Amino acid sequence: MLGVVVVLGAVFGVLHVRDQQRKSRERSHAEATAVAGRYLTAWGHGDVATMAANATPDSAAALRQQVGTVLTDLHISSATYLPGILRFQGDATAPFHASVVVQGLGTWSYDGSLVLHRVDKHWKVAFTPESIYPELHAGDTLVRERKLGTRGQIRLADGRPLRGLDGELDGNMLGTVGPYTAALAKSAGPQFVAGDIGGLTGLERGYNAVLSGTPGGSLTLRSSTGAILDTLISQPVRNGKDVTVSFDLNVQHAAESALSGVPANLTGSLVAIDVTTGKVLAVANHPYNGYGRAIRGHYPPGSTFKIITTTAALLSGKSASTPLPCTPSITVGGRSFTNAEGESYGTISLATAFAKSCNTAFISLETSLPKGALGRAAALFGFSDKPAGTDTATSGPLPLTSFGGSVPPPTDVTDGAAEAIGQGRIVTSPLQMASVAAAVASGTWRQPYVSATAPANNPQHAIPANVVATLRDLMGQVVSYGTAAHSGLPAGTRGKTGTAEVGTKNPPDTVAWFVGYRGTIAFACQVGDSGASGGYGADTAAPTVARFLRALG
């Protein structure tokens, strides 16, 4: 019996030892797996310090130097290293699958492995060059080469390169080309890296993807003598393509010539658009090659916005003959509104109120319209209902910084009255107002563009035929007997004057406007700003347009 007990005790002892050994192996394997996982995760994050902390002491320095060099020289924008199942045979081998995005070249995928050693009873990665890539041996290097294609040019429809032909377009539309910072390269696209030459501003930046083409290059494994051992990535270079734009130098020079007559102390701008397509023909600013207010300016449109208010009235059942009271003043919500120089015409038709630009008549008209009518009419002409300063309102229609127009819903009756005459929180750009005039001329509002052909899915809205017919007639009366009758405009011109109050002076400074069309060209002209009053639209902006149209012939 004693013999049986002794044997059983020995068996239990052996089993206990084996169980302890098994648990020890499991702990060891778990530790090795964890070390490999931490190392690979840190590698994916570019965290060389954590990688070194999980490496053997005798290889940590080489790791810092070589991995750091690879991360920097190859321009690795992201990487993942997925661990496999470890194999144990004395040391440990940790397989992994790498997916490395080399910015500007593509993705480099391969299978590799790490070797782990026990150091002071703990597992550590024994770093060697092969830990980075299995075929990378001592003395070998990974070499990244980049090549940029020939940059395309921005050209006119007749094939001439635009740069250098007009200083105003050079400064305010074409923009500049130069080396990218890391931030600019990131925004330009994954094919670009810091140091690449690309568009920095203006149309050069807006059309950069087309103009630059696709940079090419390679990632190769090379021996100590520079011989190529293997090509890991190869990306062919593709030259950039030319971009044809819509500007017409004859129209552009006419606009610049017209603005040269604006007094030197005043700012101004003029935009011209083809009414049948929405193509931008000219963008001119005063002073010459100054701030690009023609496309980026934020101005209240003043009475030019009465085109929109009239549209809202016509869509709500009003007509050109609808009677309106043109009193010297009107009070809405406790605020008094007046006409320019206290004008008063008694009870007049909507058509006469438009031609004479009677503020009080249009405010009275707005108070009779259904809620939201003004906003719906504005939307037909491409205005946003978001306040200026939001992304939606400032994104603009061109492939460069520009501004459309903002008509926020009125906050109260006073705000609604102000918006009826283009004041309050309404702001717009000359570019947007030129598109409004073009919509009246053609019957369809089209978002302006500067490319040779309309962009795909370019926004456009048909304006009801009865509205268009009435607006054309009313804009003709502005020139024939209304506020612009003595501005020197040639026959066939239709338009609307505007005088918007800006700033905090008493009396306030003004922005003078004239928007309209003649033949196939629509236009918008703005003169003055806060701090440099532009006077009345009929006195400064409309005569500037008259000079523009005469210069065109």
Protein backbone atom coordinates (compact mmCIF):
# COMPACT_ATOMS: atom_id res chain seq x y z
CA MET A 1 0.00 0.00 0.00
CA LEU A 2 2.87 2.35 0.83
CA GLY A 3 4.36 1.71 -2.59
CA VAL A 4 1.13 2.79 -4.27
CA VAL A 5 1.07 6.05 -2.31
CA VAL A 6 4.67 6.81 -3.22
CA VAL A 7 3.99 6.19 -6.91
CA LEU A 8 0.87 8.33 -6.87
CA GLY A 9 2.79 11.13 -5.14
CA ALA A 10 5.50 10.99 -7.80
CA VAL A 11 2.90 11.11 -10.56
CA PHE A 12 1.18 14.12 -9.01
CA GLY A 13 4.57 15.81 -8.62
CA VAL A 14 5.40 15.31 -12.28
CA LEU A 15 1.98 16.59 -13.32
CA HIS A 16 2.40 19.66 -11.12
CA VAL A 17 5.79 20.44 -12.61
CA ARG A 18 4.45 20.02 -16.12
CA ASP A 19 1.50 22.28 -15.33
CA GLN A 20 3.85 24.95 -14.00
CA GLN A 21 6.00 24.65 -17.10
CA ARG A 22 2.95 24.95 -19.34
CA LYS A 23 1.77 28.06 -17.51
CA SER A 24 5.27 29.52 -17.70
CA ARG A 25 5.34 28.93 -21.47
CA GLU A 26 1.92 30.50 -21.87
CA ARG A 27 3.03 33.57 -19.90
CA SER A 28 6.20 33.75 -21.95
CA HIS A 29 4.31 33.43 -25.21
CA ALA A 30 1.76 36.03 -24.11
CA GLU A 31 4.55 38.42 -23.20
CA ALA A 32 6.28 37.91 -26.57
CA THR A 33 2.99 38.45 -28.38
CA ALA A 34 2.36 41.63 -26.41
CA VAL A 35 5.88 42.96 -27.08
CA ALA A 36 5.54 42.30 -30.81
CA GLY A 37 2.10 43.93 -30.82
CA ARG A 38 3.35 47.06 -29.03
CA TYR A 39 6.31 47.30 -31.38
CA LEU A 40 4.20 46.99 -34.54
CA THR A 41 1.55 49.43 -33.27
CA ALA A 42 4.23 51.99 -32.41
CA TRP A 43 5.79 51.47 -35.85
CA GLY A 44 2.47 52.20 -37.50
CA HIS A 45 2.26 55.45 -35.51
CA GLY A 46 5.85 56.43 -36.27
CA ASP A 47 6.63 56.19 -32.54
CA VAL A 48 10.31 55.32 -32.68
CA ALA A 49 10.79 55.82 -28.94
CA THR A 50 8.27 53.09 -28.05
CA MET A 51 9.78 50.81 -30.69
CA ALA A 52 13.22 51.27 -29.11
CA ALA A 53 11.82 50.62 -25.63
CA ASN A 54 10.64 47.20 -26.85
CA ALA A 55 13.94 46.37 -28.59
CA THR A 56 17.05 44.70 -27.21
CA PRO A 57 19.46 47.23 -25.67
CA ASP A 58 22.22 46.41 -28.14
CA SER A 59 19.96 47.13 -31.16
CA ALA A 60 17.94 50.13 -29.89
CA ALA A 61 20.40 52.77 -31.15
CA ALA A 62 20.50 51.28 -34.65
CA LEU A 63 16.70 51.10 -34.63
CA ARG A 64 16.33 54.79 -33.79
CA GLN A 65 18.67 55.81 -36.54
CA GLN A 66 17.50 53.51 -39.33
CA VAL A 67 13.75 53.55 -38.70
CA GLY A 68 13.84 57.33 -38.21
CA THR A 69 15.65 57.74 -41.52
CA VAL A 70 13.17 55.52 -43.35
CA LEU A 71 10.17 57.40 -41.94
CA THR A 72 11.64 60.75 -42.95
CA ASP A 73 13.21 59.92 -46.30
CA LEU A 74 10.36 57.86 -47.68
CA HIS A 75 7.62 60.36 -46.72
CA ILE A 76 5.44 57.68 -45.17
CA SER A 77 2.06 59.28 -44.57
CA SER A 78 0.46 56.22 -42.93
CA ALA A 79 1.24 52.59 -42.28
CA THR A 80 -0.29 49.50 -40.71
CA TYR A 81 1.58 46.41 -39.56
CA LEU A 82 -0.75 43.51 -38.85
CA PRO A 83 0.77 40.83 -36.56
CA GLY A 84 0.54 37.14 -37.31
CA ILE A 85 0.88 34.12 -35.01
CA LEU A 86 4.23 33.91 -33.26
CA ARG A 87 6.48 30.89 -33.71
CA PHE A 88 8.75 29.72 -30.88
CA GLN A 89 11.90 27.70 -31.37
CA GLY A 90 14.39 28.96 -28.86
CA ASP A 91 13.92 32.56 -29.99
CA ALA A 92 10.54 33.85 -31.20
CA THR A 93 9.60 34.86 -34.70
CA ALA A 94 6.73 37.33 -35.14
CA PRO A 95 5.39 37.51 -38.71
CA PHE A 96 3.54 40.62 -39.87
CA HIS A 97 1.89 42.08 -42.98
CA ALA A 98 2.87 45.65 -43.85
CA SER A 99 0.78 48.16 -45.78
CA VAL A 100 2.78 51.37 -46.10
CA VAL A 101 1.47 54.49 -47.86
CA VAL A 102 4.41 56.33 -49.39
CA GLN A 103 3.02 59.80 -50.02
CA GLY A 104 3.00 60.69 -53.68
CA LEU A 105 3.94 57.18 -54.85
CA GLY A 106 1.35 54.72 -53.60
CA THR A 107 1.06 51.78 -51.21
CA TRP A 108 3.91 49.37 -50.54
CA SER A 109 2.66 46.02 -49.23
CA TYR A 110 4.84 43.12 -48.14
CA ASP A 111 5.20 40.34 -45.54
CA GLY A 112 7.95 40.54 -42.97
CA SER A 113 8.92 39.19 -39.57
CA LEU A 114 10.55 40.23 -36.31
CA VAL A 115 12.99 38.15 -34.27
CA LEU A 116 12.58 38.34 -30.48
CA HIS A 117 15.24 37.40 -27.91
CA ARG A 118 15.01 36.86 -24.18
CA VAL A 119 16.87 39.59 -22.29
CA ASP A 120 16.89 39.31 -18.48
CA LYS A 121 13.96 36.88 -18.72
CA HIS A 122 11.93 39.31 -20.87
CA TRP A 123 11.25 39.27 -24.58
CA LYS A 124 12.66 42.07 -26.73
CA VAL A 125 12.76 42.67 -30.50
CA ALA A 126 16.25 42.08 -31.86
CA PHE A 127 16.29 44.84 -34.45
CA THR A 128 18.17 44.38 -37.72
CA PRO A 129 17.67 46.00 -41.14
CA GLU A 130 15.70 42.87 -42.08
CA SER A 131 13.17 43.88 -39.41
CA ILE A 132 12.18 46.77 -41.67
CA TYR A 133 12.05 44.74 -44.88
CA PRO A 134 13.17 41.12 -45.28
CA GLU A 135 15.46 41.86 -48.25
CA LEU A 136 17.03 44.93 -46.64
CA HIS A 137 20.45 43.82 -45.46
CA ALA A 138 23.31 45.69 -43.84
CA GLY A 139 24.64 48.31 -46.28
CA ASP A 140 21.48 48.32 -48.42
CA THR A 141 19.21 51.36 -48.65
CA LEU A 142 15.64 52.18 -49.59
CA VAL A 143 15.65 55.03 -52.11
CA ARG A 144 12.64 57.18 -52.93
CA GLU A 145 12.77 59.20 -56.15
CA ARG A 146 10.26 61.80 -57.30
CA LYS A 147 9.65 63.39 -60.67
CA LEU A 148 7.14 66.10 -61.48
CA GLY A 149 5.56 66.36 -64.89
CA THR A 150 5.58 69.45 -67.05
CA ARG A 151 3.01 71.89 -65.69
CA GLY A 152 0.13 72.86 -67.95
CA GLN A 153 -0.74 76.46 -68.70
CA ILE A 154 -3.87 78.54 -68.28
CA ARG A 155 -4.84 79.70 -71.74
CA LEU A 156 -7.42 81.84 -73.49
CA ALA A 157 -9.83 80.37 -76.02
CA ASP A 158 -7.49 81.45 -78.83
CA GLY A 159 -4.69 79.34 -77.36
CA ARG A 160 -2.54 82.13 -75.93
CA PRO A 161 -1.13 81.59 -72.42
CA LEU A 162 -2.95 84.09 -70.23
CA ARG A 163 -0.10 84.89 -67.87
CA GLY A 164 1.56 88.14 -68.72
CA LEU A 165 -1.20 89.40 -71.01
CA ASP A 166 -3.10 91.36 -68.34
CA GLY A 167 -1.77 92.48 -64.96
CA GLU A 168 -5.22 92.64 -63.36
CA LEU A 169 -5.98 89.02 -64.25
CA ASP A 170 -2.47 87.98 -63.23
CA GLY A 171 -2.87 89.52 -59.80
CA ASN A 172 -6.46 88.72 -58.96
CA MET A 173 -7.32 85.57 -60.90
CA LEU A 174 -4.32 83.54 -62.08
CA GLY A 175 -2.50 83.42 -58.77
CA THR A 176 0.96 82.06 -58.07
CA VAL A 177 2.96 78.82 -58.33
CA GLY A 178 5.65 77.73 -55.88
CA PRO A 179 6.88 75.05 -53.48
CA TYR A 180 4.36 73.42 -51.17
CA THR A 181 4.57 73.37 -47.43
CA ALA A 182 3.45 70.14 -45.77
CA ALA A 183 0.02 71.66 -45.08
CA LEU A 184 -0.46 72.85 -48.67
CA ALA A 185 0.68 69.48 -50.03
CA LYS A 186 -1.86 67.71 -47.84
CA SER A 187 -4.70 69.95 -49.04
CA ALA A 188 -3.58 69.55 -52.69
CA GLY A 189 -4.02 65.78 -52.58
CA PRO A 190 -2.28 62.53 -51.66
CA GLN A 191 -0.09 62.64 -54.76
CA PHE A 192 1.76 65.72 -53.49
CA VAL A 193 4.44 66.14 -50.83
CA ALA A 194 6.18 69.08 -49.22
CA GLY A 195 8.60 70.63 -51.69
CA ASP A 196 6.56 69.80 -54.79
CA ILE A 197 5.87 72.77 -57.05
CA GLY A 198 2.18 73.54 -57.38
CA GLY A 199 -0.47 76.24 -57.43
CA LEU A 200 -0.44 78.37 -54.30
CA THR A 201 -3.24 80.84 -55.00
CA GLY A 202 -5.92 81.74 -57.52
CA LEU A 203 -6.74 79.62 -60.54
CA GLU A 204 -3.30 78.04 -60.39
CA ARG A 205 -4.37 76.47 -57.12
CA GLY A 206 -7.99 75.88 -58.09
CA TYR A 207 -7.00 73.93 -61.21
CA ASN A 208 -3.80 72.48 -59.76
CA ALA A 209 -4.85 68.84 -60.10
CA VAL A 210 -5.23 69.31 -63.85
CA LEU A 211 -2.28 71.65 -64.38
CA SER A 212 0.18 69.59 -62.31
CA GLY A 213 -0.75 66.19 -63.65
CA THR A 214 0.38 63.25 -61.55
CA PRO A 215 3.89 63.21 -60.09
CA GLY A 216 5.72 59.94 -60.61
CA GLY A 217 8.71 58.15 -59.20
CA SER A 218 9.85 54.96 -57.58
CA LEU A 219 10.84 53.25 -54.37
CA THR A 220 13.80 50.95 -54.90
CA LEU A 221 16.03 48.69 -52.85
CA ARG A 222 19.67 49.42 -53.58
CA SER A 223 22.99 47.89 -52.65
CA SER A 224 25.85 49.73 -51.02
CA THR A 225 27.16 50.51 -54.52
CA GLY A 226 23.85 52.04 -55.60
CA ALA A 227 22.81 49.14 -57.80
CA ILE A 228 19.03 48.58 -57.93
CA LEU A 229 18.25 45.24 -56.33
CA ASP A 230 14.45 45.53 -56.53
CA THR A 231 11.77 48.06 -57.48
CA LEU A 232 9.16 48.14 -54.73
CA ILE A 233 6.89 50.90 -56.13
CA SER A 234 6.85 52.43 -59.58
CA GLN A 235 4.54 55.33 -60.43
CA PRO A 236 4.67 56.77 -63.97
CA VAL A 237 4.74 60.54 -64.24
CA ARG A 238 1.90 62.18 -66.12
CA ASN A 239 2.34 65.70 -67.44
CA GLY A 240 -0.19 68.34 -66.56
CA LYS A 241 -2.82 69.51 -69.01
CA ASP A 242 -3.62 73.04 -70.12
CA VAL A 243 -6.76 74.72 -68.82
CA THR A 244 -8.72 77.03 -71.09
CA VAL A 245 -10.54 79.88 -69.36
CA SER A 246 -13.40 82.10 -70.37
CA PHE A 247 -11.88 85.59 -70.14
CA ASP A 248 -12.16 87.85 -73.17
CA LEU A 249 -9.29 90.34 -73.25
CA ASN A 250 -11.31 92.87 -75.26
CA VAL A 251 -14.01 92.88 -72.59
CA GLN A 252 -11.39 92.83 -69.83
CA HIS A 253 -9.54 95.85 -71.22
CA ALA A 254 -12.81 97.72 -71.68
CA ALA A 255 -13.66 97.10 -68.01
CA GLU A 256 -10.24 98.25 -66.85
CA SER A 257 -10.45 101.35 -69.06
CA ALA A 258 -13.87 102.20 -67.61
CA LEU A 259 -12.65 101.88 -64.03
CA SER A 260 -9.67 104.11 -64.74
CA GLY A 261 -12.17 106.97 -64.78
CA VAL A 262 -13.15 106.33 -61.15
CA PRO A 263 -11.54 108.88 -58.78
CA ALA A 264 -8.27 107.63 -57.28
CA ASN A 265 -9.60 107.86 -53.72
CA LEU A 266 -12.47 105.46 -54.43
CA THR A 267 -12.49 101.69 -54.75
CA GLY A 268 -14.47 99.98 -57.42
CA SER A 269 -14.96 96.86 -59.52
CA LEU A 270 -16.68 95.62 -62.63
CA VAL A 271 -17.64 92.08 -63.65
CA ALA A 272 -18.91 91.05 -67.07
CA ILE A 273 -20.64 87.72 -67.85
CA ASP A 274 -21.89 86.09 -71.03
CA VAL A 275 -25.65 85.97 -70.58
CA THR A 276 -26.22 82.80 -72.58
CA THR A 277 -23.73 80.60 -70.72
CA GLY A 278 -22.67 82.19 -67.43
CA LYS A 279 -19.03 82.45 -68.52
CA VAL A 280 -17.09 85.19 -66.78
CA LEU A 281 -15.68 87.49 -69.48
CA ALA A 282 -14.00 90.14 -67.36
CA VAL A 283 -13.07 90.78 -63.74
CA ALA A 284 -11.61 94.22 -63.04
CA ASN A 285 -10.83 96.09 -59.84
CA HIS A 286 -9.96 99.66 -58.89
CA PRO A 287 -7.27 100.36 -57.91
CA TYR A 288 -5.73 98.24 -60.66
CA ASN A 289 -4.44 94.88 -59.39
CA GLY A 290 -5.62 95.73 -55.90
CA TYR A 291 -7.87 93.68 -53.66
CA GLY A 292 -10.15 91.40 -55.69
CA ARG A 293 -13.42 92.96 -54.54
CA ALA A 294 -15.08 92.04 -57.84
CA ILE A 295 -15.32 88.40 -56.75
CA ARG A 296 -14.56 88.53 -53.01
CA GLY A 297 -16.26 91.76 -51.91
CA HIS A 298 -19.08 91.69 -49.36
CA TYR A 299 -21.41 94.64 -50.00
CA PRO A 300 -25.08 95.38 -49.39
CA PRO A 301 -26.63 95.54 -52.87
CA GLY A 302 -28.92 98.49 -52.13
CA SER A 303 -31.66 99.10 -54.66
CA THR A 304 -30.21 96.65 -57.20
CA PHE A 305 -31.80 94.04 -54.91
CA LYS A 306 -35.20 95.41 -55.93
CA ILE A 307 -34.84 93.04 -58.90
CA ILE A 308 -35.27 90.24 -56.34
CA THR A 309 -38.01 92.02 -54.39
CA THR A 310 -39.93 92.59 -57.63
CA THR A 311 -39.51 88.91 -58.50
CA ALA A 312 -40.99 87.98 -55.12
CA ALA A 313 -43.93 90.32 -55.78
CA LEU A 314 -44.58 88.96 -59.27
CA LEU A 315 -44.43 85.37 -58.00
CA SER A 316 -46.96 86.37 -55.32
CA GLY A 317 -49.52 87.65 -57.81
CA LYS A 318 -48.52 91.30 -58.11
CA SER A 319 -47.99 92.98 -61.48
CA ALA A 320 -46.14 95.95 -62.96
CA SER A 321 -49.29 98.03 -62.55
CA THR A 322 -49.82 97.21 -58.86
CA PRO A 323 -50.28 100.59 -57.08
CA LEU A 324 -47.84 101.46 -54.29
CA PRO A 325 -47.55 104.48 -51.98
CA CYS A 326 -44.28 106.37 -52.55
CA THR A 327 -44.30 108.53 -49.43
CA PRO A 328 -41.28 110.55 -48.18
CA SER A 329 -40.86 108.09 -45.30
CA ILE A 330 -42.31 104.93 -43.82
CA THR A 331 -42.01 103.49 -40.31
CA VAL A 332 -41.80 99.74 -39.79
CA GLY A 333 -41.29 98.20 -36.36
CA GLY A 334 -40.35 101.55 -34.91
CA ARG A 335 -37.67 102.35 -37.53
CA SER A 336 -38.13 105.10 -40.08
CA PHE A 337 -37.05 104.55 -43.69
CA THR A 338 -36.77 107.38 -46.21
CA ASN A 339 -36.17 107.95 -49.91
CA ALA A 340 -33.05 109.55 -51.33
CA GLU A 341 -33.25 113.30 -50.79
CA GLY A 342 -36.77 112.89 -49.42
CA GLU A 343 -38.36 112.16 -52.80
CA SER A 344 -42.07 111.44 -52.94
CA TYR A 345 -44.29 110.55 -55.90
CA GLY A 346 -47.62 109.73 -54.25
CA THR A 347 -49.37 106.56 -55.38
CA ILE A 348 -47.47 105.05 -58.31
CA SER A 349 -47.26 101.71 -60.10
CA LEU A 350 -44.71 99.05 -59.27
CA ALA A 351 -43.08 99.79 -62.63
CA THR A 352 -42.63 103.48 -61.78
CA ALA A 353 -41.44 102.64 -58.26
CA PHE A 354 -38.77 100.42 -59.82
CA ALA A 355 -37.71 103.03 -62.37
CA LYS A 356 -37.56 105.82 -59.77
CA SER A 357 -36.19 103.42 -57.10
CA CYS A 358 -38.68 104.47 -54.42
CA ASN A 359 -37.64 102.84 -51.15
CA THR A 360 -40.86 103.48 -49.25
CA ALA A 361 -42.94 101.92 -52.04
CA PHE A 362 -40.84 98.75 -51.99
CA ILE A 363 -40.95 98.50 -48.21
CA SER A 364 -44.74 98.83 -48.36
CA LEU A 365 -44.72 96.15 -51.06
CA GLU A 366 -42.62 93.77 -48.94
CA THR A 367 -45.00 94.02 -45.97
CA SER A 368 -47.82 92.75 -48.21
CA LEU A 369 -45.96 89.65 -49.41
CA PRO A 370 -46.33 86.13 -47.94
CA LYS A 371 -43.77 85.09 -45.35
CA GLY A 372 -40.57 83.80 -46.96
CA ALA A 373 -41.40 85.21 -50.43
CA LEU A 374 -38.23 87.28 -50.57
CA GLY A 375 -36.04 84.33 -49.60
CA ARG A 376 -37.62 82.08 -52.21
CA ALA A 377 -37.07 84.67 -54.92
CA ALA A 378 -33.45 85.16 -53.82
CA ALA A 379 -32.84 81.42 -54.01
CA LEU A 380 -33.96 81.46 -57.66
CA PHE A 381 -31.05 83.82 -58.35
CA GLY A 382 -28.47 81.74 -56.48
CA PHE A 383 -28.41 83.51 -53.12
CA SER A 384 -27.77 81.51 -49.96
CA ASP A 385 -30.00 81.87 -46.93
CA LYS A 386 -27.02 81.38 -44.62
CA PRO A 387 -25.53 84.45 -42.92
CA ALA A 388 -22.32 85.77 -44.45
CA GLY A 389 -19.28 84.17 -42.85
CA THR A 390 -20.61 80.61 -42.92
CA ASP A 391 -19.05 78.04 -45.25
CA THR A 392 -22.17 77.79 -47.38
CA ALA A 393 -22.39 81.51 -47.98
CA THR A 394 -18.70 82.05 -48.70
CA SER A 395 -17.81 79.00 -50.77
CA GLY A 396 -18.40 80.95 -53.96
CA PRO A 397 -18.97 79.69 -57.50
CA LEU A 398 -15.39 79.70 -58.80
CA PRO A 399 -12.46 77.32 -58.18
CA LEU A 400 -10.84 80.00 -56.02
CA THR A 401 -11.84 82.22 -53.10
CA SER A 402 -15.00 84.05 -54.10
CA PHE A 403 -18.32 85.12 -52.64
CA GLY A 404 -21.84 84.62 -53.87
CA GLY A 405 -24.56 86.30 -51.86
CA SER A 406 -26.35 85.95 -48.53
CA VAL A 407 -30.01 86.70 -47.83
CA PRO A 408 -30.72 85.42 -44.30
CA PRO A 409 -34.37 85.13 -43.25
CA PRO A 410 -35.40 88.40 -41.57
CA THR A 411 -35.39 88.38 -37.78
CA ASP A 412 -38.34 90.79 -37.51
CA VAL A 413 -40.48 93.15 -39.59
CA THR A 414 -37.84 95.87 -39.47
CA ASP A 415 -35.20 93.49 -40.80
CA GLY A 416 -37.61 92.42 -43.55
CA ALA A 417 -38.20 96.04 -44.55
CA ALA A 418 -34.46 96.67 -44.77
CA GLU A 419 -33.92 93.56 -46.89
CA ALA A 420 -36.60 94.70 -49.36
CA ILE A 421 -34.27 97.54 -50.39
CA GLY A 422 -31.02 95.55 -50.25
CA GLN A 423 -29.92 96.58 -46.76
CA GLY A 424 -30.07 94.81 -43.39
CA ARG A 425 -28.00 91.65 -43.31
CA ILE A 426 -27.95 91.13 -47.09
CA VAL A 427 -24.46 91.12 -48.60
CA THR A 428 -23.30 90.14 -52.05
CA SER A 429 -20.48 90.51 -54.53
CA PRO A 430 -20.36 92.20 -57.94
CA LEU A 431 -19.89 88.71 -59.41
CA GLN A 432 -23.20 87.57 -57.92
CA MET A 433 -25.07 90.67 -59.04
CA ALA A 434 -23.74 90.25 -62.58
CA SER A 435 -25.24 86.75 -62.52
CA VAL A 436 -28.59 88.25 -61.47
CA ALA A 437 -28.57 90.58 -64.47
CA ALA A 438 -27.55 87.69 -66.74
CA ALA A 439 -30.50 85.67 -65.44
CA VAL A 440 -32.92 88.43 -66.44
CA ALA A 441 -31.33 88.64 -69.88
CA SER A 442 -31.39 84.91 -70.58
CA GLY A 443 -34.32 83.71 -68.49
CA THR A 444 -32.14 81.30 -66.51
CA TRP A 445 -29.87 81.96 -63.55
CA ARG A 446 -26.56 80.16 -64.03
CA GLN A 447 -23.75 79.98 -61.55
CA PRO A 448 -20.84 81.91 -63.10
CA TYR A 449 -17.74 80.00 -64.09
CA VAL A 450 -14.34 80.76 -65.59
CA SER A 451 -13.60 77.50 -67.44
CA ALA A 452 -14.03 77.23 -71.20
CA THR A 453 -17.07 74.99 -70.74
CA ALA A 454 -19.60 74.78 -67.96
CA PRO A 455 -18.62 72.48 -65.09
CA ALA A 456 -20.60 69.27 -64.76
CA ASN A 457 -23.90 69.82 -62.95
CA ASN A 458 -23.36 73.59 -62.84
CA PRO A 459 -26.30 74.99 -60.82
CA GLN A 460 -28.97 76.81 -62.78
CA HIS A 461 -32.57 77.85 -62.19
CA ALA A 462 -35.15 78.81 -64.78
CA ILE A 463 -36.93 82.08 -63.97
CA PRO A 464 -40.67 82.06 -64.81
CA ALA A 465 -41.26 83.64 -68.22
CA ASN A 466 -43.76 86.25 -66.98
CA VAL A 467 -41.27 87.39 -64.33
CA VAL A 468 -38.43 87.67 -66.86
CA ALA A 469 -40.55 89.64 -69.34
CA THR A 470 -41.62 92.14 -66.69
CA LEU A 471 -38.11 92.56 -65.27
CA ARG A 472 -36.68 93.23 -68.73
CA ASP A 473 -39.27 95.91 -69.32
CA LEU A 474 -38.73 97.51 -65.91
CA MET A 475 -34.94 97.52 -66.28
CA GLY A 476 -35.35 99.20 -69.66
CA GLN A 477 -37.46 101.95 -68.06
CA VAL A 478 -34.71 102.61 -65.49
CA VAL A 479 -32.46 103.66 -68.38
CA SER A 480 -35.09 105.36 -70.55
CA TYR A 481 -36.74 107.60 -67.94
CA GLY A 482 -35.73 106.39 -64.50
CA THR A 483 -32.72 106.90 -62.24
CA ALA A 484 -30.14 106.06 -64.95
CA ALA A 485 -31.68 108.20 -67.70
CA HIS A 486 -28.91 110.80 -67.53
CA SER A 487 -25.94 108.44 -66.98
CA GLY A 488 -24.84 108.32 -70.62
CA LEU A 489 -25.74 104.68 -71.20
CA PRO A 490 -25.99 103.63 -74.85
CA ALA A 491 -29.25 102.53 -76.42
CA GLY A 492 -30.24 98.96 -75.68
CA THR A 493 -28.95 99.00 -72.10
CA ARG A 494 -31.22 97.65 -69.37
CA GLY A 495 -30.32 97.82 -65.73
CA LYS A 496 -30.88 98.93 -62.16
CA THR A 497 -29.12 101.54 -60.08
CA GLY A 498 -28.43 101.08 -56.39
CA THR A 499 -27.06 103.09 -53.49
CA ALA A 500 -26.30 101.09 -50.35
CA GLU A 501 -25.47 102.64 -46.99
CA VAL A 502 -22.39 101.30 -45.18
CA GLY A 503 -20.42 102.18 -42.08
CA THR A 504 -21.40 104.18 -39.00
CA LYS A 505 -20.98 107.78 -40.15
CA ASN A 506 -23.85 110.23 -40.14
CA PRO A 507 -24.65 110.56 -42.97
CA PRO A 508 -23.31 107.11 -43.85
CA ASP A 509 -20.88 106.28 -46.63
CA THR A 510 -22.37 104.59 -49.65
CA VAL A 511 -21.63 101.86 -52.18
CA ALA A 512 -22.87 102.90 -55.61
CA TRP A 513 -24.14 100.17 -57.94
CA PHE A 514 -25.29 99.63 -61.47
CA VAL A 515 -26.18 96.16 -62.72
CA GLY A 516 -27.68 95.21 -66.04
CA TYR A 517 -27.07 93.90 -69.54
CA ARG A 518 -26.76 94.94 -73.15
CA GLY A 519 -26.81 92.40 -75.93
CA THR A 520 -25.11 89.21 -74.76
CA ILE A 521 -23.09 90.81 -71.97
CA ALA A 522 -24.35 91.25 -68.41
CA PHE A 523 -22.43 93.33 -65.90
CA ALA A 524 -22.26 94.66 -62.37
CA CYS A 525 -20.31 97.70 -61.25
CA GLN A 526 -19.62 98.79 -57.67
CA VAL A 527 -17.98 102.06 -56.62
CA GLY A 528 -17.11 103.10 -53.05
CA ASP A 529 -16.97 101.47 -49.65
CA SER A 530 -16.99 102.32 -45.98
CA GLY A 531 -14.51 105.14 -45.53
CA ALA A 532 -14.65 106.28 -49.16
CA SER A 533 -18.23 107.00 -50.17
CA GLY A 534 -19.19 106.14 -53.74
CA GLY A 535 -22.11 108.58 -53.95
CA TYR A 536 -25.22 107.55 -55.88
CA GLY A 537 -25.36 104.68 -58.33
CA ALA A 538 -26.64 106.91 -61.11
CA ASP A 539 -23.76 109.35 -60.62
CA THR A 540 -20.73 107.03 -60.36
CA ALA A 541 -21.47 103.37 -61.10
CA ALA A 542 -23.82 103.85 -64.09
CA PRO A 543 -21.45 106.31 -65.87
CA THR A 544 -18.63 103.80 -65.32
CA VAL A 545 -20.73 101.15 -67.09
CA ALA A 546 -21.46 103.67 -69.84
CA ARG A 547 -17.69 104.06 -70.41
CA PHE A 548 -17.36 100.26 -70.40
CA LEU A 549 -20.06 99.77 -73.03
CA ARG A 550 -18.71 102.56 -75.23
CA ALA A 551 -15.24 100.98 -75.05
CA LEU A 552 -16.76 97.71 -76.27
CA GLY A 553 -18.35 99.52 -79.24
